[in-house]
Amino acid sequence: MDFDIRHLAWLSRLELNEEEARELERRLNAMRTLIDRLLNADTENVEPLYHPNEDEAGKLREDVPGAGLERDYALLNAAKTEKGYVVAPRTVED
């Protein structure tokens, strides 16, 4: 299966010169070759891999809050604040 690069470029609204068209065709053919190799790979006796780090898959770190900014310091660059919070313009109408 050959690619009609000019048609693909037209569908994609791309303007390609001859060199760019040849390069795109070369890269698409390389991708197609790789995909064909993957589709034809012998996976008969290969167990499925459900997680790349199966030994670590179920382990989660403890959820401990870290050090953060002091409230007053965090609000220094806010355009408007009220009672220790940032006040933003209303975006939803009643």
N, C-alpha and C. Protein backbone atom coordinates (compact mmCIF):
# COMPACT_ATOMS: atom_id res chain seq x y z
N MET A 1 0.84 -1.18 0.00
CA MET A 1 0.00 0.00 0.00
C MET A 1 0.89 1.24 0.00
N ASP A 2 0.80 2.00 -1.04
CA ASP A 2 1.55 3.25 -1.11
C ASP A 2 0.66 4.40 -0.66
N PHE A 3 1.32 5.40 -0.13
CA PHE A 3 0.60 6.57 0.32
C PHE A 3 0.51 7.58 -0.82
N ASP A 4 -0.64 8.19 -0.99
CA ASP A 4 -0.79 9.29 -1.92
C ASP A 4 -0.54 10.56 -1.12
N ILE A 5 0.73 10.95 -1.06
CA ILE A 5 1.15 12.04 -0.19
C ILE A 5 0.45 13.34 -0.56
N ARG A 6 0.29 13.61 -1.83
CA ARG A 6 -0.38 14.85 -2.23
C ARG A 6 -1.82 14.89 -1.73
N HIS A 7 -2.52 13.76 -1.81
CA HIS A 7 -3.90 13.70 -1.33
C HIS A 7 -3.94 13.86 0.19
N LEU A 8 -3.05 13.16 0.89
CA LEU A 8 -2.99 13.30 2.35
C LEU A 8 -2.68 14.74 2.75
N ALA A 9 -1.77 15.36 2.04
CA ALA A 9 -1.42 16.75 2.34
C ALA A 9 -2.63 17.66 2.10
N TRP A 10 -3.36 17.41 1.01
CA TRP A 10 -4.54 18.21 0.71
C TRP A 10 -5.59 18.04 1.81
N LEU A 11 -5.82 16.78 2.25
CA LEU A 11 -6.79 16.53 3.32
C LEU A 11 -6.37 17.21 4.61
N SER A 12 -5.07 17.28 4.85
CA SER A 12 -4.54 17.86 6.09
C SER A 12 -4.32 19.37 5.97
N ARG A 13 -4.62 19.91 4.80
CA ARG A 13 -4.42 21.34 4.53
C ARG A 13 -2.95 21.74 4.72
N LEU A 14 -2.06 20.87 4.21
CA LEU A 14 -0.63 21.14 4.28
C LEU A 14 -0.11 21.51 2.90
N GLU A 15 0.80 22.44 2.85
CA GLU A 15 1.48 22.77 1.60
C GLU A 15 2.88 22.21 1.70
N LEU A 16 3.18 21.19 0.87
CA LEU A 16 4.47 20.52 0.91
C LEU A 16 5.22 20.73 -0.40
N ASN A 17 6.52 21.01 -0.29
CA ASN A 17 7.32 21.02 -1.50
C ASN A 17 7.75 19.57 -1.78
N GLU A 18 8.45 19.33 -2.87
CA GLU A 18 8.80 17.95 -3.26
C GLU A 18 9.66 17.25 -2.20
N GLU A 19 10.61 17.97 -1.64
CA GLU A 19 11.49 17.38 -0.63
C GLU A 19 10.70 16.99 0.62
N GLU A 20 9.81 17.87 1.06
CA GLU A 20 8.98 17.56 2.23
C GLU A 20 8.05 16.38 1.95
N ALA A 21 7.51 16.31 0.75
CA ALA A 21 6.63 15.20 0.40
C ALA A 21 7.39 13.88 0.41
N ARG A 22 8.61 13.87 -0.14
CA ARG A 22 9.43 12.63 -0.12
C ARG A 22 9.76 12.21 1.31
N GLU A 23 10.11 13.20 2.15
CA GLU A 23 10.45 12.90 3.55
C GLU A 23 9.24 12.36 4.29
N LEU A 24 8.08 12.96 4.08
CA LEU A 24 6.86 12.48 4.73
C LEU A 24 6.53 11.07 4.28
N GLU A 25 6.67 10.80 2.99
CA GLU A 25 6.39 9.46 2.48
C GLU A 25 7.36 8.44 3.09
N ARG A 26 8.65 8.81 3.19
CA ARG A 26 9.64 7.92 3.80
C ARG A 26 9.28 7.60 5.25
N ARG A 27 8.88 8.64 6.00
CA ARG A 27 8.55 8.43 7.41
C ARG A 27 7.27 7.62 7.58
N LEU A 28 6.27 7.86 6.73
CA LEU A 28 5.04 7.07 6.82
C LEU A 28 5.30 5.61 6.48
N ASN A 29 6.15 5.36 5.48
CA ASN A 29 6.49 3.99 5.13
C ASN A 29 7.25 3.30 6.26
N ALA A 30 8.13 4.04 6.94
CA ALA A 30 8.87 3.48 8.08
C ALA A 30 7.91 3.12 9.21
N MET A 31 6.92 3.99 9.45
CA MET A 31 5.93 3.69 10.50
C MET A 31 5.10 2.48 10.12
N ARG A 32 4.70 2.39 8.85
CA ARG A 32 3.91 1.25 8.40
C ARG A 32 4.70 -0.05 8.55
N THR A 33 5.98 -0.02 8.23
CA THR A 33 6.83 -1.19 8.39
C THR A 33 6.90 -1.61 9.85
N LEU A 34 7.08 -0.67 10.74
CA LEU A 34 7.13 -0.97 12.17
C LEU A 34 5.80 -1.56 12.65
N ILE A 35 4.71 -0.98 12.24
CA ILE A 35 3.39 -1.48 12.65
C ILE A 35 3.17 -2.89 12.12
N ASP A 36 3.58 -3.14 10.88
CA ASP A 36 3.46 -4.49 10.33
C ASP A 36 4.27 -5.49 11.13
N ARG A 37 5.48 -5.11 11.53
CA ARG A 37 6.31 -6.00 12.35
C ARG A 37 5.64 -6.29 13.69
N LEU A 38 5.04 -5.27 14.31
CA LEU A 38 4.37 -5.47 15.59
C LEU A 38 3.14 -6.37 15.43
N LEU A 39 2.38 -6.16 14.37
CA LEU A 39 1.17 -6.96 14.15
C LEU A 39 1.50 -8.42 13.85
N ASN A 40 2.66 -8.66 13.25
CA ASN A 40 3.04 -10.03 12.88
C ASN A 40 3.96 -10.70 13.88
N ALA A 41 4.22 -10.03 15.01
CA ALA A 41 5.11 -10.61 16.03
C ALA A 41 4.45 -11.84 16.65
N ASP A 42 5.28 -12.85 16.92
CA ASP A 42 4.79 -14.08 17.54
C ASP A 42 4.64 -13.85 19.04
N THR A 43 3.41 -13.81 19.52
CA THR A 43 3.14 -13.59 20.94
C THR A 43 2.41 -14.78 21.55
N GLU A 44 2.55 -15.93 20.92
CA GLU A 44 1.81 -17.13 21.33
C GLU A 44 2.09 -17.51 22.79
N ASN A 45 3.34 -17.53 23.19
CA ASN A 45 3.69 -18.00 24.54
C ASN A 45 4.12 -16.85 25.46
N VAL A 46 3.62 -15.67 25.21
CA VAL A 46 3.99 -14.50 26.00
C VAL A 46 2.84 -14.18 26.94
N GLU A 47 3.15 -14.12 28.24
CA GLU A 47 2.11 -13.77 29.21
C GLU A 47 1.80 -12.28 29.11
N PRO A 48 0.54 -11.90 29.30
CA PRO A 48 0.19 -10.48 29.24
C PRO A 48 0.86 -9.71 30.37
N LEU A 49 1.23 -8.49 30.08
CA LEU A 49 1.82 -7.60 31.07
C LEU A 49 0.77 -6.57 31.44
N TYR A 50 0.33 -6.60 32.67
CA TYR A 50 -0.73 -5.71 33.10
C TYR A 50 -0.21 -4.39 33.63
N HIS A 51 1.03 -4.38 34.10
CA HIS A 51 1.64 -3.15 34.61
C HIS A 51 3.14 -3.29 34.44
N PRO A 52 3.83 -2.26 33.96
CA PRO A 52 5.27 -2.39 33.71
C PRO A 52 6.07 -2.66 34.98
N ASN A 53 5.57 -2.26 36.11
CA ASN A 53 6.24 -2.52 37.39
C ASN A 53 5.31 -3.36 38.26
N GLU A 54 5.07 -4.60 37.84
CA GLU A 54 4.08 -5.42 38.54
C GLU A 54 4.39 -5.59 40.02
N ASP A 55 5.66 -5.59 40.38
CA ASP A 55 6.01 -5.72 41.80
C ASP A 55 5.57 -4.49 42.59
N GLU A 56 5.52 -3.35 41.93
CA GLU A 56 5.20 -2.09 42.59
C GLU A 56 3.78 -1.62 42.31
N ALA A 57 3.01 -2.35 41.49
CA ALA A 57 1.72 -1.87 40.98
C ALA A 57 0.73 -1.52 42.09
N GLY A 58 0.66 -2.29 43.14
CA GLY A 58 -0.34 -2.04 44.17
C GLY A 58 0.14 -1.18 45.31
N LYS A 59 1.39 -0.79 45.28
CA LYS A 59 1.96 -0.02 46.38
C LYS A 59 1.78 1.46 46.15
N LEU A 60 1.22 2.14 47.10
CA LEU A 60 1.06 3.58 47.03
C LEU A 60 1.84 4.21 48.17
N ARG A 61 2.32 5.40 47.95
CA ARG A 61 3.03 6.08 49.02
C ARG A 61 2.02 6.61 50.03
N GLU A 62 2.47 6.83 51.23
CA GLU A 62 1.62 7.38 52.26
C GLU A 62 1.27 8.82 51.90
N ASP A 63 0.04 9.21 52.08
CA ASP A 63 -0.42 10.54 51.73
C ASP A 63 -0.16 11.48 52.91
N VAL A 64 0.97 12.16 52.83
CA VAL A 64 1.38 13.07 53.90
C VAL A 64 1.56 14.45 53.29
N PRO A 65 0.90 15.46 53.85
CA PRO A 65 1.07 16.80 53.28
C PRO A 65 2.50 17.28 53.44
N GLY A 66 2.99 17.95 52.39
CA GLY A 66 4.34 18.49 52.44
C GLY A 66 4.33 19.93 52.88
N ALA A 67 5.50 20.50 52.94
CA ALA A 67 5.61 21.91 53.30
C ALA A 67 5.07 22.74 52.15
N GLY A 68 4.39 23.80 52.46
CA GLY A 68 3.83 24.66 51.42
C GLY A 68 4.14 26.11 51.71
N LEU A 69 3.50 26.97 50.98
CA LEU A 69 3.69 28.41 51.19
C LEU A 69 2.83 28.89 52.34
N GLU A 70 3.32 29.87 53.03
CA GLU A 70 2.50 30.54 54.02
C GLU A 70 1.39 31.28 53.29
N ARG A 71 0.20 31.34 53.86
CA ARG A 71 -0.95 31.94 53.19
C ARG A 71 -0.67 33.38 52.76
N ASP A 72 -0.15 34.20 53.65
CA ASP A 72 0.10 35.60 53.31
C ASP A 72 1.08 35.74 52.16
N TYR A 73 2.10 34.88 52.13
CA TYR A 73 3.08 34.92 51.05
C TYR A 73 2.45 34.48 49.73
N ALA A 74 1.60 33.46 49.78
CA ALA A 74 0.95 32.96 48.57
C ALA A 74 0.00 33.98 47.98
N LEU A 75 -0.57 34.84 48.79
CA LEU A 75 -1.55 35.82 48.33
C LEU A 75 -0.93 37.16 47.90
N LEU A 76 0.38 37.27 47.98
CA LEU A 76 1.03 38.55 47.69
C LEU A 76 0.74 39.06 46.29
N ASN A 77 0.68 38.20 45.28
CA ASN A 77 0.49 38.65 43.89
C ASN A 77 -0.96 38.56 43.43
N ALA A 78 -1.87 38.19 44.30
CA ALA A 78 -3.27 38.11 43.91
C ALA A 78 -3.81 39.52 43.67
N ALA A 79 -4.62 39.65 42.61
CA ALA A 79 -5.18 40.97 42.29
C ALA A 79 -6.12 41.45 43.39
N LYS A 80 -6.90 40.51 43.96
CA LYS A 80 -7.84 40.90 45.01
C LYS A 80 -7.97 39.73 45.99
N THR A 81 -7.95 40.04 47.27
CA THR A 81 -8.12 39.02 48.30
C THR A 81 -9.18 39.48 49.28
N GLU A 82 -9.76 38.48 49.97
CA GLU A 82 -10.76 38.79 50.99
C GLU A 82 -10.73 37.68 52.03
N LYS A 83 -10.51 38.05 53.28
CA LYS A 83 -10.49 37.10 54.39
C LYS A 83 -9.54 35.93 54.17
N GLY A 84 -8.39 36.20 53.54
CA GLY A 84 -7.37 35.18 53.35
C GLY A 84 -7.56 34.31 52.11
N TYR A 85 -8.44 34.70 51.20
CA TYR A 85 -8.69 33.93 49.98
C TYR A 85 -8.55 34.84 48.76
N VAL A 86 -8.28 34.24 47.60
CA VAL A 86 -8.23 34.98 46.35
C VAL A 86 -9.66 35.21 45.89
N VAL A 87 -9.97 36.44 45.47
CA VAL A 87 -11.29 36.76 44.93
C VAL A 87 -11.14 36.85 43.42
N ALA A 88 -11.93 36.05 42.71
CA ALA A 88 -11.89 36.03 41.25
C ALA A 88 -13.19 36.59 40.70
N PRO A 89 -13.16 37.09 39.47
CA PRO A 89 -14.39 37.61 38.88
C PRO A 89 -15.43 36.49 38.71
N ARG A 90 -16.66 36.85 38.86
CA ARG A 90 -17.75 35.88 38.71
C ARG A 90 -17.84 35.45 37.23
N THR A 91 -17.93 34.16 36.98
CA THR A 91 -17.99 33.66 35.60
C THR A 91 -19.30 32.98 35.29
N VAL A 92 -20.13 32.73 36.28
CA VAL A 92 -21.42 32.06 36.08
C VAL A 92 -22.52 33.05 36.45
N GLU A 93 -23.48 33.18 35.55
CA GLU A 93 -24.59 34.08 35.83
C GLU A 93 -25.70 33.32 36.53
N ASP A 94 -26.53 34.05 37.26
CA ASP A 94 -27.66 33.41 37.97
C ASP A 94 -28.72 32.97 36.99
